[in-house]
């Protein structure tokens, strides 16, 4: 959230000094760094709908999901506090539908984009093609592609990413789009994975979802 929303804030503060390409690439590059850094420890979910998907696939213990979501929320609040230091610049990195698009169109796109993102995560973590550290680059590539749809909905795909900037501005009028859309997309991705790969609970996927370091 700090990287994705922060790129928007800095771009506005510098009057377009970053540009759309840099804004699109920033969260993807961050994913690569964080997955390589913390993946072996926790699975590097960073997104509650990823935690949800792994739990639904039985690759991640369901009792641990609330703790992960709490940690993700706390991190978003810390990131929001950091961005608040720079003052209110534009929409402060908020994910909102573009002026040419309706809330329903943004919601639909969030469902589809999140389904693709979670499908990618589940695929690179599957027993059939577990990619280990290389998975970070596959996920990042998808995020770059999804970022091209940013003008429609903001391409959030993450309720926590959207919650942080809303916390700065106090405007939660569109949060339903970025909560319900990604959750629905995650459930859809799990259903697709069930059709393509069968039931979850594979050793390789569990290792990817939970981290590989001894507890």
Foldseek 3Di string as FASTA:
>chain_A
DLQLLVVVQVCLVVVNPQHLLNSLLRVLVVLLVQCVVCQQAFLSPLFLLLVVLCVVLVLEPPVCSVVVVVVSLVVLQVSLVVLCVVPDGDLSSAFAFAPVEDLVQLLQLLLQLLLVLSLLVQVCQAPVHVDRSCSSNSSSVSSSVLSVCCNGGNSPLGLSSNVSSCVNVVDCPSSCSVPVSNNNSSVVNSVVCCVVPNGHPDPSNSCSRGHNDDD
